[in-house]
């Protein structure tokens, strides 16, 4: 019963932070918005930091689901990167991506908090998946690592611009231009 309630409140909290952000998360407004109480949240999650970690894990699960849907290695790195960009530039994903960016940045400036290692883990996740889109003989080479790092840098940089400006046409053109070089 407590496990089901925990999962229910996690999903409701996840919807809340996608709309309101996570860095300034306060238990009282969160609890009121999701029909709970701060005391129940603390009982089910143990602490506010543990709740934040659970929310980041939930966001990472969505990210990993995207990454698992990439084209196979026969499609190549450019095609896989293009598929990622199509997903990233879809306006319906903006709340999740803003949450991802907020957590990524917080991980860099507060490495001891509940965000610790979030940024590094997402980089590793993305590089691993992009490696799967490369031919087997290229994956473990320094050049293969450099190409997938470049692809990730292009995607992440364009995503930052897209979230800041909403200019899908400009950022998509830039991504496509850079992916042609892969």
N, C-alpha and C. Protein backbone atom coordinates (compact mmCIF):
# COMPACT_ATOMS: atom_id res chain seq x y z
N UNK A 1 0.82 -1.19 0.00
CA UNK A 1 0.00 0.00 0.00
C UNK A 1 0.86 1.25 0.00
N UNK A 2 1.89 1.33 0.90
CA UNK A 2 2.76 2.50 0.95
C UNK A 2 3.55 2.63 -0.35
N UNK A 3 3.93 1.49 -0.94
CA UNK A 3 4.66 1.52 -2.21
C UNK A 3 3.82 2.10 -3.33
N UNK A 4 2.54 1.72 -3.36
CA UNK A 4 1.64 2.26 -4.39
C UNK A 4 1.44 3.76 -4.19
N UNK A 5 1.25 4.17 -2.95
CA UNK A 5 1.05 5.60 -2.66
C UNK A 5 2.32 6.38 -2.99
N UNK A 6 3.47 5.79 -2.70
CA UNK A 6 4.74 6.45 -3.02
C UNK A 6 4.85 6.66 -4.53
N UNK A 7 4.54 5.63 -5.30
CA UNK A 7 4.61 5.75 -6.77
C UNK A 7 3.62 6.78 -7.30
N UNK A 8 2.42 6.78 -6.72
CA UNK A 8 1.40 7.75 -7.13
C UNK A 8 1.88 9.18 -6.85
N UNK A 9 2.42 9.40 -5.66
CA UNK A 9 2.90 10.74 -5.31
C UNK A 9 4.15 11.12 -6.09
N UNK A 10 4.97 10.14 -6.43
CA UNK A 10 6.13 10.41 -7.27
C UNK A 10 5.69 10.91 -8.64
N UNK A 11 4.72 10.24 -9.24
CA UNK A 11 4.23 10.66 -10.56
C UNK A 11 3.59 12.05 -10.50
N UNK A 12 2.82 12.30 -9.47
CA UNK A 12 2.20 13.62 -9.32
C UNK A 12 3.27 14.69 -9.08
N UNK A 13 4.28 14.37 -8.29
CA UNK A 13 5.38 15.30 -8.04
C UNK A 13 6.17 15.55 -9.31
N UNK A 14 6.35 14.51 -10.10
CA UNK A 14 7.08 14.63 -11.36
C UNK A 14 6.34 15.58 -12.31
N UNK A 15 5.04 15.46 -12.39
CA UNK A 15 4.25 16.38 -13.21
C UNK A 15 4.39 17.81 -12.67
N UNK A 16 4.39 17.95 -11.37
CA UNK A 16 4.52 19.27 -10.74
C UNK A 16 5.87 19.91 -11.08
N UNK A 17 6.97 19.18 -10.93
CA UNK A 17 8.28 19.78 -11.17
C UNK A 17 8.52 20.03 -12.65
N UNK A 18 7.88 19.29 -13.53
CA UNK A 18 8.00 19.60 -14.96
C UNK A 18 7.37 20.96 -15.26
N UNK A 19 6.39 21.35 -14.49
CA UNK A 19 5.74 22.65 -14.68
C UNK A 19 6.36 23.76 -13.86
N UNK A 20 6.83 23.45 -12.66
CA UNK A 20 7.28 24.48 -11.72
C UNK A 20 8.78 24.51 -11.46
N UNK A 21 9.50 23.53 -11.95
CA UNK A 21 10.94 23.49 -11.69
C UNK A 21 11.26 22.69 -10.44
N UNK A 22 12.55 22.41 -10.28
CA UNK A 22 12.96 21.56 -9.17
C UNK A 22 13.97 22.21 -8.24
N UNK A 23 14.72 23.22 -8.70
CA UNK A 23 15.79 23.75 -7.85
C UNK A 23 15.27 24.48 -6.62
N UNK A 24 14.12 25.10 -6.72
CA UNK A 24 13.55 25.82 -5.58
C UNK A 24 12.37 25.05 -4.98
N UNK A 25 12.37 23.74 -5.15
CA UNK A 25 11.26 22.91 -4.70
C UNK A 25 11.05 23.06 -3.19
N UNK A 26 9.82 23.35 -2.82
CA UNK A 26 9.43 23.45 -1.43
C UNK A 26 8.33 22.42 -1.18
N UNK A 27 8.45 21.67 -0.10
CA UNK A 27 7.52 20.58 0.16
C UNK A 27 6.08 21.05 0.39
N UNK A 28 5.90 22.16 1.06
CA UNK A 28 4.55 22.61 1.38
C UNK A 28 3.72 22.90 0.12
N UNK A 29 4.21 23.74 -0.82
CA UNK A 29 3.43 23.97 -2.04
C UNK A 29 3.28 22.71 -2.90
N UNK A 30 4.34 21.91 -2.95
CA UNK A 30 4.26 20.65 -3.70
C UNK A 30 3.16 19.77 -3.12
N UNK A 31 3.19 19.56 -1.84
CA UNK A 31 2.20 18.69 -1.18
C UNK A 31 0.79 19.21 -1.42
N UNK A 32 0.58 20.50 -1.29
CA UNK A 32 -0.75 21.08 -1.51
C UNK A 32 -1.21 20.85 -2.95
N UNK A 33 -0.28 20.99 -3.90
CA UNK A 33 -0.63 20.83 -5.31
C UNK A 33 -0.97 19.39 -5.69
N UNK A 34 -0.40 18.44 -4.98
CA UNK A 34 -0.61 17.03 -5.35
C UNK A 34 -1.56 16.30 -4.40
N UNK A 35 -2.17 17.04 -3.49
CA UNK A 35 -3.15 16.43 -2.60
C UNK A 35 -2.54 15.58 -1.50
N UNK A 36 -1.44 16.04 -0.95
CA UNK A 36 -0.77 15.30 0.12
C UNK A 36 -0.38 16.29 1.20
N UNK A 37 0.57 15.89 2.01
CA UNK A 37 1.10 16.78 3.05
C UNK A 37 2.62 16.60 3.08
N UNK A 38 3.33 17.62 3.56
CA UNK A 38 4.78 17.47 3.69
C UNK A 38 5.16 16.27 4.55
N UNK A 39 4.39 16.03 5.58
CA UNK A 39 4.68 14.92 6.49
C UNK A 39 4.60 13.56 5.75
N UNK A 40 3.58 13.41 4.90
CA UNK A 40 3.44 12.16 4.14
C UNK A 40 4.61 12.01 3.17
N UNK A 41 4.98 13.09 2.49
CA UNK A 41 6.10 13.03 1.56
C UNK A 41 7.39 12.63 2.28
N UNK A 42 7.61 13.22 3.43
CA UNK A 42 8.82 12.87 4.20
C UNK A 42 8.77 11.42 4.68
N UNK A 43 7.59 10.95 5.07
CA UNK A 43 7.45 9.56 5.50
C UNK A 43 7.75 8.61 4.35
N UNK A 44 7.20 8.89 3.17
CA UNK A 44 7.35 7.98 2.04
C UNK A 44 8.73 8.05 1.38
N UNK A 45 9.35 9.23 1.39
CA UNK A 45 10.63 9.38 0.70
C UNK A 45 11.82 9.50 1.65
N UNK A 46 11.58 9.75 2.92
CA UNK A 46 12.65 9.81 3.90
C UNK A 46 13.20 11.20 4.14
N UNK A 47 13.32 11.99 3.08
CA UNK A 47 13.83 13.35 3.19
C UNK A 47 13.51 14.09 1.88
N UNK A 48 13.65 15.39 1.93
CA UNK A 48 13.45 16.18 0.71
C UNK A 48 14.51 15.81 -0.32
N UNK A 49 15.76 15.63 0.11
CA UNK A 49 16.81 15.23 -0.83
C UNK A 49 16.50 13.89 -1.48
N UNK A 50 15.97 12.96 -0.73
CA UNK A 50 15.61 11.65 -1.30
C UNK A 50 14.47 11.80 -2.31
N UNK A 51 13.53 12.68 -2.05
CA UNK A 51 12.46 12.95 -3.01
C UNK A 51 13.04 13.55 -4.28
N UNK A 52 13.94 14.51 -4.15
CA UNK A 52 14.58 15.11 -5.33
C UNK A 52 15.33 14.05 -6.12
N UNK A 53 16.08 13.17 -5.43
CA UNK A 53 16.78 12.09 -6.13
C UNK A 53 15.80 11.18 -6.87
N UNK A 54 14.67 10.87 -6.24
CA UNK A 54 13.65 10.03 -6.89
C UNK A 54 13.09 10.74 -8.12
N UNK A 55 12.88 12.04 -8.04
CA UNK A 55 12.39 12.80 -9.19
C UNK A 55 13.42 12.83 -10.31
N UNK A 56 14.68 12.99 -9.97
CA UNK A 56 15.74 12.98 -10.99
C UNK A 56 15.85 11.59 -11.63
N UNK A 57 15.71 10.55 -10.83
CA UNK A 57 15.72 9.18 -11.38
C UNK A 57 14.54 8.99 -12.33
N UNK A 58 13.40 9.56 -11.98
CA UNK A 58 12.22 9.46 -12.83
C UNK A 58 12.45 10.17 -14.15
N UNK A 59 13.05 11.37 -14.10
CA UNK A 59 13.36 12.12 -15.32
C UNK A 59 14.38 11.36 -16.17
N UNK A 60 15.35 10.77 -15.52
CA UNK A 60 16.36 10.00 -16.25
C UNK A 60 15.74 8.78 -16.91
N UNK A 61 14.75 8.18 -16.29
CA UNK A 61 14.05 7.03 -16.90
C UNK A 61 13.39 7.47 -18.20
N UNK A 62 12.78 8.65 -18.23
CA UNK A 62 12.19 9.15 -19.47
C UNK A 62 13.27 9.38 -20.53
N UNK A 63 14.40 9.94 -20.10
CA UNK A 63 15.51 10.19 -21.01
C UNK A 63 16.02 8.87 -21.60
N UNK A 64 16.19 7.87 -20.75
CA UNK A 64 16.69 6.58 -21.22
C UNK A 64 15.70 5.89 -22.15
N UNK A 65 14.41 6.08 -21.92
CA UNK A 65 13.41 5.52 -22.82
C UNK A 65 13.57 6.11 -24.21
N UNK A 66 13.84 7.40 -24.29
CA UNK A 66 14.11 8.05 -25.58
C UNK A 66 15.33 7.42 -26.23
N UNK A 67 16.38 7.31 -25.46
CA UNK A 67 17.63 6.82 -26.02
C UNK A 67 17.52 5.38 -26.52
N UNK A 68 16.73 4.57 -25.85
CA UNK A 68 16.54 3.18 -26.30
C UNK A 68 15.82 3.11 -27.64
N UNK A 69 15.10 4.16 -28.00
CA UNK A 69 14.35 4.18 -29.25
C UNK A 69 15.13 4.67 -30.44
N UNK A 70 16.44 4.89 -30.28
CA UNK A 70 17.24 5.38 -31.40
C UNK A 70 17.40 4.32 -32.48
N UNK A 71 17.69 4.76 -33.71
CA UNK A 71 17.94 3.80 -34.79
C UNK A 71 19.12 2.90 -34.47
N UNK A 72 19.16 1.75 -35.09
CA UNK A 72 20.24 0.79 -34.85
C UNK A 72 21.54 1.27 -35.46
N UNK A 73 22.61 0.53 -35.19
CA UNK A 73 23.93 0.92 -35.68
C UNK A 73 23.99 0.97 -37.20
N UNK A 74 23.11 0.26 -37.87
CA UNK A 74 23.13 0.30 -39.33
C UNK A 74 22.73 1.68 -39.86
N UNK A 75 22.04 2.46 -39.05
CA UNK A 75 21.61 3.79 -39.48
C UNK A 75 22.75 4.80 -39.41
N UNK A 76 23.69 4.60 -38.49
CA UNK A 76 24.82 5.49 -38.36
C UNK A 76 24.60 6.60 -37.33
N UNK A 77 25.71 7.22 -36.96
CA UNK A 77 25.69 8.24 -35.92
C UNK A 77 24.87 9.47 -36.32
N UNK A 78 25.01 9.91 -37.56
CA UNK A 78 24.27 11.10 -37.99
C UNK A 78 22.77 10.85 -37.95
N UNK A 79 22.33 9.68 -38.41
CA UNK A 79 20.89 9.38 -38.40
C UNK A 79 20.37 9.24 -36.97
N UNK A 80 21.15 8.62 -36.11
CA UNK A 80 20.74 8.49 -34.71
C UNK A 80 20.66 9.87 -34.06
N UNK A 81 21.63 10.73 -34.34
CA UNK A 81 21.64 12.09 -33.79
C UNK A 81 20.46 12.89 -34.32
N UNK A 82 20.14 12.72 -35.58
CA UNK A 82 18.98 13.39 -36.16
C UNK A 82 17.70 12.93 -35.46
N UNK A 83 17.59 11.65 -35.19
CA UNK A 83 16.41 11.13 -34.49
C UNK A 83 16.31 11.73 -33.08
N UNK A 84 17.44 11.87 -32.41
CA UNK A 84 17.44 12.50 -31.09
C UNK A 84 16.98 13.94 -31.22
N UNK A 85 17.48 14.65 -32.23
CA UNK A 85 17.10 16.05 -32.39
C UNK A 85 15.59 16.20 -32.66
N UNK A 86 15.05 15.32 -33.46
CA UNK A 86 13.60 15.38 -33.73
C UNK A 86 12.84 15.28 -32.41
N UNK A 87 13.27 14.39 -31.54
CA UNK A 87 12.61 14.25 -30.24
C UNK A 87 12.86 15.49 -29.38
N UNK A 88 14.11 15.96 -29.33
CA UNK A 88 14.44 17.11 -28.49
C UNK A 88 13.71 18.37 -28.93
N UNK A 89 13.52 18.53 -30.22
CA UNK A 89 12.91 19.76 -30.72
C UNK A 89 11.38 19.71 -30.73
N UNK A 90 10.80 18.59 -30.37
CA UNK A 90 9.35 18.48 -30.27
C UNK A 90 8.86 19.31 -29.09
N UNK A 91 8.01 20.26 -29.37
CA UNK A 91 7.55 21.20 -28.33
C UNK A 91 6.91 20.50 -27.14
N UNK A 92 6.30 19.35 -27.36
CA UNK A 92 5.64 18.66 -26.25
C UNK A 92 6.63 18.16 -25.19
N UNK A 93 7.91 18.08 -25.54
CA UNK A 93 8.92 17.60 -24.61
C UNK A 93 9.62 18.72 -23.83
N UNK A 94 9.24 19.96 -24.08
CA UNK A 94 9.92 21.10 -23.44
C UNK A 94 9.88 21.05 -21.92
N UNK A 95 8.76 20.70 -21.29
CA UNK A 95 8.79 20.66 -19.81
C UNK A 95 9.83 19.66 -19.27
N UNK A 96 9.91 18.49 -19.87
CA UNK A 96 10.91 17.51 -19.44
C UNK A 96 12.32 18.03 -19.68
N UNK A 97 12.53 18.67 -20.82
CA UNK A 97 13.86 19.15 -21.15
C UNK A 97 14.29 20.33 -20.28
N UNK A 98 13.34 21.17 -19.91
CA UNK A 98 13.67 22.25 -18.97
C UNK A 98 14.06 21.66 -17.61
N UNK A 99 13.34 20.64 -17.19
CA UNK A 99 13.67 19.96 -15.94
C UNK A 99 15.06 19.32 -16.04
N UNK A 100 15.33 18.66 -17.16
CA UNK A 100 16.64 18.05 -17.38
C UNK A 100 17.74 19.11 -17.30
N UNK A 101 17.53 20.24 -17.97
CA UNK A 101 18.54 21.29 -17.98
C UNK A 101 18.75 21.87 -16.57
N UNK A 102 17.67 22.06 -15.87
CA UNK A 102 17.76 22.59 -14.50
C UNK A 102 18.57 21.63 -13.62
N UNK A 103 18.28 20.35 -13.71
CA UNK A 103 18.99 19.36 -12.90
C UNK A 103 20.45 19.23 -13.34
N UNK A 104 20.69 19.29 -14.64
CA UNK A 104 22.04 19.21 -15.18
C UNK A 104 22.89 20.35 -14.64
N UNK A 105 22.36 21.58 -14.75
CA UNK A 105 23.09 22.75 -14.27
C UNK A 105 23.30 22.69 -12.76
N UNK A 106 22.29 22.29 -12.04
CA UNK A 106 22.40 22.22 -10.58
C UNK A 106 23.44 21.19 -10.17
N UNK A 107 23.54 20.12 -10.94
CA UNK A 107 24.53 19.09 -10.67
C UNK A 107 25.95 19.64 -10.77
N UNK A 108 26.12 20.60 -11.66
CA UNK A 108 27.45 21.19 -11.86
C UNK A 108 27.83 22.16 -10.74
N UNK A 109 26.84 22.85 -10.18
CA UNK A 109 27.15 23.86 -9.15
C UNK A 109 26.93 23.35 -7.73
N UNK A 110 26.25 22.23 -7.58
CA UNK A 110 25.97 21.67 -6.26
C UNK A 110 26.24 20.17 -6.29
N UNK A 111 27.50 19.78 -6.52
CA UNK A 111 27.80 18.36 -6.70
C UNK A 111 27.62 17.49 -5.46
N UNK A 112 27.45 18.11 -4.31
CA UNK A 112 27.29 17.31 -3.09
C UNK A 112 25.83 17.07 -2.75
N UNK A 113 24.93 17.76 -3.41
CA UNK A 113 23.51 17.64 -3.09
C UNK A 113 22.86 16.44 -3.77
N UNK A 114 21.55 16.41 -3.76
CA UNK A 114 20.84 15.28 -4.36
C UNK A 114 21.05 15.19 -5.88
N UNK A 115 21.59 16.26 -6.45
CA UNK A 115 21.84 16.31 -7.89
C UNK A 115 23.15 15.63 -8.25
N UNK A 116 23.97 15.30 -7.25
CA UNK A 116 25.33 14.82 -7.52
C UNK A 116 25.34 13.78 -8.61
N UNK A 117 26.24 13.94 -9.50
CA UNK A 117 26.51 13.04 -10.63
C UNK A 117 25.42 12.99 -11.69
N UNK A 118 24.35 13.80 -11.57
CA UNK A 118 23.30 13.77 -12.59
C UNK A 118 23.86 14.12 -13.96
N UNK A 119 24.62 15.22 -14.05
CA UNK A 119 25.16 15.65 -15.34
C UNK A 119 26.10 14.59 -15.92
N UNK A 120 27.02 14.12 -15.11
CA UNK A 120 27.98 13.12 -15.60
C UNK A 120 27.27 11.84 -16.04
N UNK A 121 26.26 11.44 -15.30
CA UNK A 121 25.52 10.22 -15.66
C UNK A 121 24.78 10.39 -16.98
N UNK A 122 24.20 11.57 -17.21
CA UNK A 122 23.47 11.74 -18.47
C UNK A 122 24.43 11.80 -19.65
N UNK A 123 25.60 12.40 -19.46
CA UNK A 123 26.60 12.39 -20.54
C UNK A 123 26.98 10.95 -20.87
N UNK A 124 27.26 10.17 -19.85
CA UNK A 124 27.63 8.76 -20.07
C UNK A 124 26.50 7.99 -20.75
N UNK A 125 25.25 8.23 -20.32
CA UNK A 125 24.11 7.56 -20.96
C UNK A 125 24.05 7.87 -22.45
N UNK A 126 24.14 9.16 -22.77
CA UNK A 126 24.02 9.57 -24.16
C UNK A 126 25.18 9.05 -25.00
N UNK A 127 26.39 9.12 -24.47
CA UNK A 127 27.55 8.62 -25.23
C UNK A 127 27.45 7.12 -25.46
N UNK A 128 26.96 6.40 -24.48
CA UNK A 128 26.79 4.95 -24.65
C UNK A 128 25.79 4.63 -25.75
N UNK A 129 24.68 5.33 -25.73
CA UNK A 129 23.66 5.08 -26.75
C UNK A 129 24.15 5.50 -28.13
N UNK A 130 24.79 6.65 -28.22
CA UNK A 130 25.33 7.08 -29.51
C UNK A 130 26.40 6.12 -30.02
N UNK A 131 27.15 5.51 -29.11
CA UNK A 131 28.14 4.50 -29.52
C UNK A 131 27.44 3.33 -30.21
N UNK A 132 26.25 2.99 -29.74
CA UNK A 132 25.50 1.90 -30.37
C UNK A 132 25.07 2.20 -31.79
N UNK A 133 25.10 3.46 -32.18
CA UNK A 133 24.74 3.84 -33.55
C UNK A 133 25.96 3.87 -34.46
N UNK A 134 27.13 3.61 -33.90
CA UNK A 134 28.35 3.59 -34.70
C UNK A 134 28.70 2.16 -35.08
N UNK A 135 29.36 2.00 -36.21
CA UNK A 135 29.83 0.65 -36.58
C UNK A 135 30.74 0.08 -35.50
N UNK A 136 30.68 -1.20 -35.29
CA UNK A 136 31.44 -1.85 -34.21
C UNK A 136 32.92 -1.52 -34.26
N UNK A 137 33.52 -1.46 -35.42
CA UNK A 137 34.95 -1.18 -35.52
C UNK A 137 35.32 0.24 -35.17
N UNK A 138 34.36 1.13 -35.15
CA UNK A 138 34.63 2.55 -34.85
C UNK A 138 34.40 2.89 -33.38
N UNK A 139 33.52 2.16 -32.73
CA UNK A 139 33.08 2.50 -31.36
C UNK A 139 34.20 2.72 -30.38
N UNK A 140 35.15 1.83 -30.37
CA UNK A 140 36.19 1.85 -29.33
C UNK A 140 37.43 2.64 -29.74
N UNK A 141 37.35 3.36 -30.84
CA UNK A 141 38.51 4.14 -31.28
C UNK A 141 38.42 5.57 -30.74
N UNK A 142 39.57 6.22 -30.62
CA UNK A 142 39.53 7.63 -30.20
C UNK A 142 38.70 8.49 -31.17
N UNK A 143 38.78 8.21 -32.45
CA UNK A 143 37.99 8.95 -33.44
C UNK A 143 36.50 8.72 -33.25
N UNK A 144 36.10 7.50 -32.92
CA UNK A 144 34.69 7.19 -32.69
C UNK A 144 34.17 7.94 -31.48
N UNK A 145 34.97 7.96 -30.41
CA UNK A 145 34.57 8.71 -29.21
C UNK A 145 34.48 10.20 -29.53
N UNK A 146 35.42 10.71 -30.29
CA UNK A 146 35.40 12.14 -30.64
C UNK A 146 34.16 12.48 -31.47
N UNK A 147 33.79 11.62 -32.42
CA UNK A 147 32.61 11.89 -33.26
C UNK A 147 31.32 11.87 -32.44
N UNK A 148 31.18 10.91 -31.54
CA UNK A 148 29.94 10.90 -30.76
C UNK A 148 29.93 12.02 -29.72
N UNK A 149 31.10 12.42 -29.22
CA UNK A 149 31.18 13.57 -28.32
C UNK A 149 30.79 14.83 -29.08
N UNK A 150 31.24 14.96 -30.32
CA UNK A 150 30.88 16.12 -31.14
C UNK A 150 29.37 16.13 -31.40
N UNK A 151 28.81 14.98 -31.71
CA UNK A 151 27.36 14.90 -31.94
C UNK A 151 26.60 15.32 -30.69
N UNK A 152 27.04 14.83 -29.54
CA UNK A 152 26.38 15.18 -28.29
C UNK A 152 26.51 16.68 -28.01
N UNK A 153 27.67 17.25 -28.26
CA UNK A 153 27.88 18.68 -28.04
C UNK A 153 26.96 19.51 -28.94
N UNK A 154 26.82 19.10 -30.19
CA UNK A 154 25.92 19.81 -31.11
C UNK A 154 24.48 19.73 -30.61
N UNK A 155 24.04 18.54 -30.22
CA UNK A 155 22.66 18.37 -29.74
C UNK A 155 22.41 19.17 -28.48
N UNK A 156 23.33 19.11 -27.55
CA UNK A 156 23.15 19.81 -26.28
C UNK A 156 23.19 21.32 -26.48
N UNK A 157 24.12 21.80 -27.28
CA UNK A 157 24.21 23.24 -27.55
C UNK A 157 22.97 23.76 -28.25
N UNK A 158 22.50 23.05 -29.24
CA UNK A 158 21.29 23.47 -29.95
C UNK A 158 20.08 23.41 -29.03
N UNK A 159 20.05 22.43 -28.16
CA UNK A 159 18.95 22.34 -27.20
C UNK A 159 18.92 23.56 -26.29
N UNK A 160 20.07 23.98 -25.81
CA UNK A 160 20.13 25.18 -24.96
C UNK A 160 19.57 26.38 -25.71
N UNK A 161 19.98 26.57 -26.97
CA UNK A 161 19.46 27.68 -27.76
C UNK A 161 17.96 27.54 -27.99
N UNK A 162 17.51 26.35 -28.29
CA UNK A 162 16.09 26.12 -28.54
C UNK A 162 15.26 26.44 -27.29
N UNK A 163 15.71 25.98 -26.14
CA UNK A 163 14.97 26.27 -24.91
C UNK A 163 14.98 27.76 -24.59
N UNK A 164 16.05 28.46 -24.94
CA UNK A 164 16.14 29.89 -24.67
C UNK A 164 15.29 30.72 -25.62
N UNK A 165 15.21 30.29 -26.89
CA UNK A 165 14.58 31.13 -27.91
C UNK A 165 13.30 30.57 -28.50
N UNK A 166 13.14 29.25 -28.45
CA UNK A 166 11.99 28.63 -29.11
C UNK A 166 12.12 28.59 -30.62
N UNK A 167 13.28 28.94 -31.15
CA UNK A 167 13.50 29.02 -32.61
C UNK A 167 13.88 27.64 -33.16
N UNK A 168 12.87 26.86 -33.45
CA UNK A 168 13.08 25.49 -33.93
C UNK A 168 13.73 25.48 -35.31
N UNK A 169 13.30 26.34 -36.20
CA UNK A 169 13.84 26.34 -37.57
C UNK A 169 15.34 26.62 -37.57
N UNK A 170 15.76 27.64 -36.86
CA UNK A 170 17.18 28.01 -36.83
C UNK A 170 18.03 26.91 -36.19
N UNK A 171 17.59 26.40 -35.06
CA UNK A 171 18.40 25.39 -34.37
C UNK A 171 18.42 24.07 -35.15
N UNK A 172 17.31 23.72 -35.78
CA UNK A 172 17.28 22.50 -36.59
C UNK A 172 18.22 22.63 -37.78
N UNK A 173 18.24 23.77 -38.43
CA UNK A 173 19.15 23.99 -39.56
C UNK A 173 20.61 23.85 -39.09
N UNK A 174 20.91 24.40 -37.92
CA UNK A 174 22.27 24.31 -37.40
C UNK A 174 22.65 22.87 -37.07
N UNK A 175 21.73 22.14 -36.46
CA UNK A 175 22.00 20.73 -36.13
C UNK A 175 22.24 19.94 -37.41
N UNK A 176 21.40 20.11 -38.39
CA UNK A 176 21.56 19.36 -39.65
C UNK A 176 22.88 19.69 -40.33
N UNK A 177 23.25 20.96 -40.31
CA UNK A 177 24.51 21.37 -40.91
C UNK A 177 25.69 20.66 -40.24
N UNK A 178 25.67 20.63 -38.92
CA UNK A 178 26.77 19.99 -38.19
C UNK A 178 26.75 18.47 -38.33
N UNK A 179 25.57 17.87 -38.37
CA UNK A 179 25.50 16.41 -38.49
C UNK A 179 26.00 15.93 -39.84
N UNK A 180 25.94 16.77 -40.84
CA UNK A 180 26.46 16.38 -42.16
C UNK A 180 27.96 16.10 -42.09
N UNK A 181 28.64 16.72 -41.15
CA UNK A 181 30.09 16.52 -41.04
C UNK A 181 30.46 15.22 -40.34
N UNK A 182 29.47 14.56 -39.74
CA UNK A 182 29.76 13.30 -39.04
C UNK A 182 29.87 12.17 -40.04
